[in-house]
Amino acid sequence: MKSNYRLNQKGQGMTEYILIVALIAVAVIGAVKIFGGKINSGFKNAGDQIGSAVNNNGSNAADQASGVLHSAGGR
């Protein structure tokens, strides 16, 4: 009798865990559907701005870092 009770408790715990994981998965899928386009356009805009800043500046990050080191007295 005692072993059946323990077996049922383990099954109940596993079922609750599966239900929680399924609920979280549904929430994540819903959030991605709602906010996915906004996040994607935000990253695209940021990438475009970084790309245009690098192209307009005419130098890359290594040149800029080298200039900072030389102006600060580094070698």
C-alpha atoms as a PDB file:
ATOM      1  CA  MET A   1       0.000   0.000   0.000  1.00  0.00           C
ATOM      2  CA  LYS A   2       2.809   2.405   0.873  1.00  0.00           C
ATOM      3  CA  SER A   3       4.698   1.781  -2.388  1.00  0.00           C
ATOM      4  CA  ASN A   4       1.600   2.540  -4.495  1.00  0.00           C
ATOM      5  CA  TYR A   5       1.274   5.893  -2.745  1.00  0.00           C
ATOM      6  CA  ARG A   6       4.894   6.797  -3.513  1.00  0.00           C
ATOM      7  CA  LEU A   7       4.502   5.732  -7.149  1.00  0.00           C
ATOM      8  CA  ASN A   8       1.398   7.901  -7.501  1.00  0.00           C
ATOM      9  CA  GLN A   9       3.221  10.847  -5.933  1.00  0.00           C
ATOM     10  CA  LYS A  10       6.068  10.564  -8.438  1.00  0.00           C
ATOM     11  CA  GLY A  11       3.610  10.377 -11.333  1.00  0.00           C
ATOM     12  CA  GLN A  12       1.745  13.408 -10.062  1.00  0.00           C
ATOM     13  CA  GLY A  13       4.954  15.412  -9.715  1.00  0.00           C
ATOM     14  CA  MET A  14       6.045  14.534 -13.236  1.00  0.00           C
ATOM     15  CA  THR A  15       2.640  15.486 -14.647  1.00  0.00           C
ATOM     16  CA  GLU A  16       2.748  18.855 -12.900  1.00  0.00           C
ATOM     17  CA  TYR A  17       6.253  19.457 -14.218  1.00  0.00           C
ATOM     18  CA  ILE A  18       5.176  18.643 -17.787  1.00  0.00           C
ATOM     19  CA  LEU A  19       2.174  20.972 -17.500  1.00  0.00           C
ATOM     20  CA  ILE A  20       4.376  23.826 -16.255  1.00  0.00           C
ATOM     21  CA  VAL A  21       6.895  23.313 -19.071  1.00  0.00           C
ATOM     22  CA  ALA A  22       4.070  23.230 -21.638  1.00  0.00           C
ATOM     23  CA  LEU A  23       2.577  26.448 -20.238  1.00  0.00           C
ATOM     24  CA  ILE A  24       5.942  28.198 -20.393  1.00  0.00           C
ATOM     25  CA  ALA A  25       6.430  27.010 -23.992  1.00  0.00           C
ATOM     26  CA  VAL A  26       3.025  28.389 -25.007  1.00  0.00           C
ATOM     27  CA  ALA A  27       3.829  31.721 -23.322  1.00  0.00           C
ATOM     28  CA  VAL A  28       7.205  31.981 -25.098  1.00  0.00           C
ATOM     29  CA  ILE A  29       5.658  31.164 -28.482  1.00  0.00           C
ATOM     30  CA  GLY A  30       2.999  33.822 -27.911  1.00  0.00           C
ATOM     31  CA  ALA A  31       5.582  36.421 -26.888  1.00  0.00           C
ATOM     32  CA  VAL A  32       7.713  35.709 -29.952  1.00  0.00           C
ATOM     33  CA  LYS A  33       4.689  36.061 -32.230  1.00  0.00           C
ATOM     34  CA  ILE A  34       3.732  39.374 -30.608  1.00  0.00           C
ATOM     35  CA  PHE A  35       7.163  40.977 -30.171  1.00  0.00           C
ATOM     36  CA  GLY A  36       9.271  39.133 -32.768  1.00  0.00           C
ATOM     37  CA  GLY A  37       8.851  41.687 -35.533  1.00  0.00           C
ATOM     38  CA  LYS A  38       9.594  44.628 -33.250  1.00  0.00           C
ATOM     39  CA  ILE A  39      12.753  43.012 -31.887  1.00  0.00           C
ATOM     40  CA  ASN A  40      13.916  42.054 -35.367  1.00  0.00           C
ATOM     41  CA  SER A  41      13.409  45.577 -36.719  1.00  0.00           C
ATOM     42  CA  GLY A  42      15.204  47.033 -33.697  1.00  0.00           C
ATOM     43  CA  PHE A  43      18.280  44.876 -34.299  1.00  0.00           C
ATOM     44  CA  LYS A  44      18.166  45.667 -38.023  1.00  0.00           C
ATOM     45  CA  ASN A  45      18.045  49.413 -37.343  1.00  0.00           C
ATOM     46  CA  ALA A  46      20.913  49.183 -34.868  1.00  0.00           C
ATOM     47  CA  GLY A  47      22.994  47.191 -37.353  1.00  0.00           C
ATOM     48  CA  ASP A  48      22.255  49.652 -40.131  1.00  0.00           C
ATOM     49  CA  GLN A  49      23.294  52.595 -37.957  1.00  0.00           C
ATOM     50  CA  ILE A  50      26.523  50.893 -36.923  1.00  0.00           C
ATOM     51  CA  GLY A  51      27.270  50.000 -40.532  1.00  0.00           C
ATOM     52  CA  SER A  52      26.670  53.531 -41.768  1.00  0.00           C
ATOM     53  CA  ALA A  53      28.763  54.993 -38.948  1.00  0.00           C
ATOM     54  CA  VAL A  54      31.693  52.741 -39.838  1.00  0.00           C
ATOM     55  CA  ASN A  55      31.335  53.464 -43.560  1.00  0.00           C
ATOM     56  CA  ASN A  56      31.033  57.239 -43.069  1.00  0.00           C
ATOM     57  CA  ASN A  57      33.930  57.369 -40.646  1.00  0.00           C
ATOM     58  CA  GLY A  58      36.317  55.641 -43.035  1.00  0.00           C
ATOM     59  CA  SER A  59      38.140  53.764 -40.289  1.00  0.00           C
ATOM     60  CA  ASN A  60      37.628  50.585 -38.373  1.00  0.00           C
ATOM     61  CA  ALA A  61      37.571  49.852 -34.661  1.00  0.00           C
ATOM     62  CA  ALA A  62      41.224  48.768 -34.610  1.00  0.00           C
ATOM     63  CA  ASP A  63      42.352  52.129 -35.998  1.00  0.00           C
ATOM     64  CA  GLN A  64      40.217  53.953 -33.461  1.00  0.00           C
ATOM     65  CA  ALA A  65      41.602  51.875 -30.593  1.00  0.00           C
ATOM     66  CA  SER A  66      45.134  52.514 -31.804  1.00  0.00           C
ATOM     67  CA  GLY A  67      44.484  56.248 -31.841  1.00  0.00           C
ATOM     68  CA  VAL A  68      43.112  56.165 -28.306  1.00  0.00           C
ATOM     69  CA  LEU A  69      46.168  54.310 -27.063  1.00  0.00           C
ATOM     70  CA  HIS A  70      48.574  56.744 -28.766  1.00  0.00           C
ATOM     71  CA  SER A  71      46.768  59.814 -27.442  1.00  0.00           C
ATOM     72  CA  ALA A  72      46.806  58.346 -23.923  1.00  0.00           C
ATOM     73  CA  GLY A  73      50.558  57.744 -24.082  1.00  0.00           C
ATOM     74  CA  GLY A  74      50.338  53.981 -24.588  1.00  0.00           C
ATOM     75  CA  ARG A  75      52.488  52.024 -26.987  1.00  0.00           C
END
